[in-house]
Amino acid sequence: MSEKYKIKVTLKSETIFGSGNSLGSLVNEEVLHDEDGFPYYNAKTLKGKIRREAENIWKNIGTKRLEESYINLFGSEFNVGDQHKNGGVKFSDLTLKENVKNNLKFLKNEKIINKNEILNSMTNIRQFIKIENDTAVDGALRSMRTVKENLEFESEIECDFEKGSLEEALLFCSIGNLKYLGMNNAKGRGLVECELGQIGKDQKSEELEAKKCISEVLKK
């Protein structure tokens, strides 16, 4: 039986959910957003970020049990024996809370606001120039859209492992260690605060159980 969890991510600084697209001369680097104008973070990219944190925990502690739990969660990057192992955790896109989206969708459907107004209300457009040898490069003025700080996003996770398992503990700790998302983190952007809880369960008790499980592994 699979378990369902929810990640809550609070943006503590402006964040760039880069899409790789541009908006003509107005925005050189656009953020990912849906057809209604709501910014979001891709599930595959989110999983990759959390996987990297889990890998750091496993390699720093260095136990076989943690390595097995890591592979059970995220799969094997290379073949294990003669077979490739798929991971047992699935992520949804990181999106704004449903109640926020539903309220704004209602206004959009009533023609009170439009897609661009929704996007603009949740983002800023920042301009910057390219510097070489302490001198601004001619014609190098560029712009990017950033998602505003203090917005809260959520992602649902479905996992194929037992409640109270080491896999669950590793997942909790990995998400708790995640501090940055998006682009240009070295410039102070993308600082986040992440929490994970089982849907319908108490968040704090879940965190304590996860830390206790990891601590037991360290003793062995």
Protein backbone atom coordinates (compact mmCIF):
# COMPACT_ATOMS: atom_id res chain seq x y z
CA MET A 1 0.00 0.00 0.00
CA SER A 2 1.42 3.39 -0.97
CA GLU A 3 1.67 6.35 1.39
CA LYS A 4 0.82 9.93 0.40
CA TYR A 5 2.68 13.00 1.62
CA LYS A 6 2.63 16.71 0.95
CA ILE A 7 5.63 19.04 0.70
CA LYS A 8 5.08 22.67 1.66
CA VAL A 9 7.67 25.07 0.25
CA THR A 10 7.82 28.71 1.37
CA LEU A 11 9.90 31.07 -0.76
CA LYS A 12 12.20 33.06 1.55
CA SER A 13 13.65 35.13 -1.31
CA GLU A 14 12.80 35.84 -4.93
CA THR A 15 13.05 32.62 -6.93
CA ILE A 16 13.49 31.91 -10.64
CA PHE A 17 11.46 28.94 -11.88
CA GLY A 18 13.23 29.16 -15.24
CA SER A 19 11.33 27.96 -18.31
CA GLY A 20 14.00 28.59 -20.91
CA ASN A 21 11.51 30.80 -22.79
CA SER A 22 11.57 34.53 -23.46
CA LEU A 23 8.84 37.15 -23.92
CA GLY A 24 10.26 39.18 -26.79
CA SER A 25 12.16 42.26 -25.65
CA LEU A 26 10.26 42.46 -22.35
CA VAL A 27 11.58 39.34 -20.57
CA ASN A 28 14.65 37.36 -21.64
CA GLU A 29 14.13 34.62 -19.01
CA GLU A 30 10.50 33.72 -18.32
CA VAL A 31 9.28 31.62 -15.37
CA LEU A 32 7.34 28.39 -15.73
CA HIS A 33 3.62 29.12 -15.50
CA ASP A 34 0.42 27.34 -16.49
CA GLU A 35 -2.39 28.40 -18.82
CA ASP A 36 -3.98 30.49 -16.04
CA GLY A 37 -0.77 32.39 -15.26
CA PHE A 38 0.15 30.55 -12.05
CA PRO A 39 3.91 29.96 -11.61
CA TYR A 40 4.99 26.40 -10.80
CA TYR A 41 8.12 24.25 -10.41
CA ASN A 42 8.52 21.12 -12.51
CA ALA A 43 8.09 17.78 -10.68
CA LYS A 44 11.08 16.16 -12.38
CA THR A 45 13.37 19.04 -11.40
CA LEU A 46 12.06 19.00 -7.81
CA LYS A 47 12.70 15.26 -7.56
CA GLY A 48 16.24 15.77 -8.82
CA LYS A 49 16.95 18.39 -6.15
CA ILE A 50 15.63 16.15 -3.36
CA ARG A 51 17.48 13.16 -4.77
CA ARG A 52 20.74 15.11 -4.54
CA GLU A 53 20.10 15.89 -0.86
CA ALA A 54 19.32 12.22 -0.18
CA GLU A 55 22.52 11.18 -1.93
CA ASN A 56 24.51 13.59 0.25
CA ILE A 57 23.02 12.08 3.42
CA TRP A 58 23.69 8.51 2.26
CA LYS A 59 27.28 9.20 1.21
CA ASN A 60 28.12 11.23 4.32
CA ILE A 61 26.82 8.51 6.65
CA GLY A 62 27.97 5.69 4.39
CA THR A 63 25.89 2.72 5.54
CA LYS A 64 24.63 -0.05 3.27
CA ARG A 65 21.12 0.29 4.66
CA LEU A 66 20.97 3.95 3.67
CA GLU A 67 22.26 3.15 0.19
CA GLU A 68 19.51 0.57 -0.23
CA SER A 69 16.90 3.03 1.02
CA TYR A 70 18.18 5.68 -1.39
CA ILE A 71 17.85 3.26 -4.33
CA ASN A 72 14.39 2.16 -3.15
CA LEU A 73 13.32 5.81 -3.20
CA PHE A 74 14.94 7.18 -6.32
CA GLY A 75 16.08 4.16 -8.27
CA SER A 76 19.57 3.30 -9.45
CA GLU A 77 21.35 5.69 -11.76
CA PHE A 78 23.26 2.71 -13.12
CA ASN A 79 22.39 -0.97 -13.26
CA VAL A 80 22.28 -2.88 -10.00
CA GLY A 81 23.59 -6.33 -10.82
CA ASP A 82 22.00 -7.18 -14.15
CA GLN A 83 18.94 -4.97 -13.76
CA HIS A 84 18.05 -1.28 -13.57
CA LYS A 85 15.93 -0.50 -10.50
CA ASN A 86 13.19 2.13 -10.67
CA GLY A 87 12.48 4.34 -7.68
CA GLY A 88 9.36 4.04 -5.55
CA VAL A 89 8.53 7.74 -5.12
CA LYS A 90 6.48 9.97 -7.44
CA PHE A 91 6.22 13.76 -7.23
CA SER A 92 3.62 16.17 -8.57
CA ASP A 93 4.53 19.66 -9.81
CA LEU A 94 5.17 22.22 -7.08
CA THR A 95 2.18 24.57 -7.38
CA LEU A 96 0.42 27.28 -5.43
CA LYS A 97 -2.12 26.17 -2.83
CA GLU A 98 -5.41 25.08 -4.34
CA ASN A 99 -7.51 27.60 -2.38
CA VAL A 100 -5.38 30.47 -3.72
CA LYS A 101 -5.64 29.18 -7.28
CA ASN A 102 -9.38 28.53 -7.06
CA ASN A 103 -10.14 32.06 -5.84
CA LEU A 104 -8.13 33.65 -8.63
CA LYS A 105 -9.51 31.25 -11.24
CA PHE A 106 -13.01 32.36 -10.27
CA LEU A 107 -12.08 36.00 -10.87
CA LYS A 108 -10.46 35.07 -14.18
CA ASN A 109 -13.51 33.10 -15.32
CA GLU A 110 -15.69 36.10 -14.44
CA LYS A 111 -13.47 38.29 -16.67
CA ILE A 112 -12.47 40.44 -13.68
CA ILE A 113 -8.77 39.65 -14.11
CA ASN A 114 -6.76 37.93 -16.84
CA LYS A 115 -3.84 35.51 -17.08
CA ASN A 116 -1.20 38.24 -17.36
CA GLU A 117 -2.54 40.05 -14.29
CA ILE A 118 -2.34 36.83 -12.28
CA LEU A 119 1.25 36.23 -13.39
CA ASN A 120 2.30 39.83 -12.77
CA SER A 121 0.78 39.84 -9.27
CA MET A 122 3.05 36.95 -8.24
CA THR A 123 6.25 37.91 -10.02
CA ASN A 124 8.74 40.74 -10.53
CA ILE A 125 10.76 41.63 -13.61
CA ARG A 126 14.41 42.30 -12.79
CA GLN A 127 16.99 43.81 -15.10
CA PHE A 128 20.73 43.17 -15.03
CA ILE A 129 23.80 43.82 -17.15
CA LYS A 130 26.74 41.64 -18.08
CA ILE A 131 30.07 42.79 -16.63
CA GLU A 132 33.48 41.95 -18.10
CA ASN A 133 36.73 43.35 -16.66
CA ASP A 134 34.70 45.66 -14.39
CA THR A 135 32.99 47.20 -17.43
CA ALA A 136 29.42 46.84 -18.65
CA VAL A 137 29.18 45.05 -21.99
CA ASP A 138 27.40 47.12 -24.64
CA GLY A 139 23.96 45.77 -25.49
CA ALA A 140 24.07 43.32 -22.58
CA LEU A 141 21.04 44.64 -20.66
CA ARG A 142 18.81 41.67 -19.96
CA SER A 143 15.71 40.97 -17.89
CA MET A 144 14.32 38.01 -16.01
CA ARG A 145 11.08 37.27 -14.23
CA THR A 146 11.28 36.14 -10.60
CA VAL A 147 8.61 34.63 -8.36
CA LYS A 148 7.93 36.83 -5.31
CA GLU A 149 9.13 35.79 -1.88
CA ASN A 150 6.77 34.55 0.88
CA LEU A 151 4.54 32.65 -1.56
CA GLU A 152 3.74 29.09 -0.51
CA PHE A 153 3.76 26.11 -2.88
CA GLU A 154 2.81 22.46 -2.46
CA SER A 155 3.65 19.13 -4.06
CA GLU A 156 2.09 15.74 -3.36
CA ILE A 157 4.28 12.65 -3.13
CA GLU A 158 3.22 9.03 -3.49
CA CYS A 159 5.63 6.44 -2.07
CA ASP A 160 5.80 2.65 -2.25
CA PHE A 161 7.25 1.92 1.20
CA GLU A 162 6.01 1.20 4.68
CA LYS A 163 5.16 3.78 7.30
CA GLY A 164 8.04 4.25 9.75
CA SER A 165 10.61 2.84 7.32
CA LEU A 166 14.13 4.13 6.76
CA GLU A 167 13.01 5.25 3.28
CA GLU A 168 10.44 7.55 4.86
CA ALA A 169 13.03 8.93 7.29
CA LEU A 170 15.52 9.57 4.49
CA LEU A 171 12.86 11.37 2.47
CA PHE A 172 11.91 13.59 5.44
CA CYS A 173 15.51 14.53 6.16
CA SER A 174 16.34 15.16 2.51
CA ILE A 175 13.44 17.55 2.07
CA GLY A 176 14.31 19.29 5.35
CA ASN A 177 17.85 19.84 4.05
CA LEU A 178 16.67 21.43 0.80
CA LYS A 179 17.50 25.14 1.01
CA TYR A 180 17.51 26.40 -2.59
CA LEU A 181 15.40 25.98 -5.72
CA GLY A 182 15.55 27.56 -9.14
CA MET A 183 18.31 29.56 -10.80
CA ASN A 184 20.96 32.10 -9.66
CA ASN A 185 21.17 30.71 -6.11
CA ALA A 186 24.68 32.17 -5.67
CA LYS A 187 23.16 35.65 -5.98
CA GLY A 188 20.78 35.10 -3.08
CA ARG A 189 17.80 33.96 -5.09
CA GLY A 190 15.85 30.75 -4.53
CA LEU A 191 16.13 30.46 -0.73
CA VAL A 192 13.32 28.19 0.46
CA GLU A 193 11.97 26.56 3.61
CA CYS A 194 10.58 23.06 3.13
CA GLU A 195 8.34 20.84 5.25
CA LEU A 196 7.03 17.35 4.61
CA GLY A 197 4.11 15.67 6.31
CA GLN A 198 1.88 12.68 5.70
CA ILE A 199 -1.52 13.81 4.50
CA GLY A 200 -3.87 13.86 7.46
CA LYS A 201 -1.04 13.50 10.03
CA ASP A 202 0.69 15.84 12.49
CA GLN A 203 3.71 17.50 10.86
CA LYS A 204 5.92 17.84 13.96
CA SER A 205 5.52 14.26 15.15
CA GLU A 206 6.37 13.02 11.63
CA GLU A 207 9.61 15.05 11.66
CA LEU A 208 10.62 13.70 15.07
CA GLU A 209 10.03 10.10 14.01
CA ALA A 210 12.12 10.60 10.87
CA LYS A 211 15.05 12.05 12.80
CA LYS A 212 14.80 9.25 15.37
CA CYS A 213 14.94 6.62 12.61
CA ILE A 214 18.08 8.16 11.06
CA SER A 215 19.68 8.36 14.52
CA GLU A 216 19.10 4.63 15.05
CA VAL A 217 20.94 3.90 11.80
CA LEU A 218 23.90 5.99 12.92
CA LYS A 219 24.24 3.87 16.08
CA LYS A 220 24.66 0.66 14.06
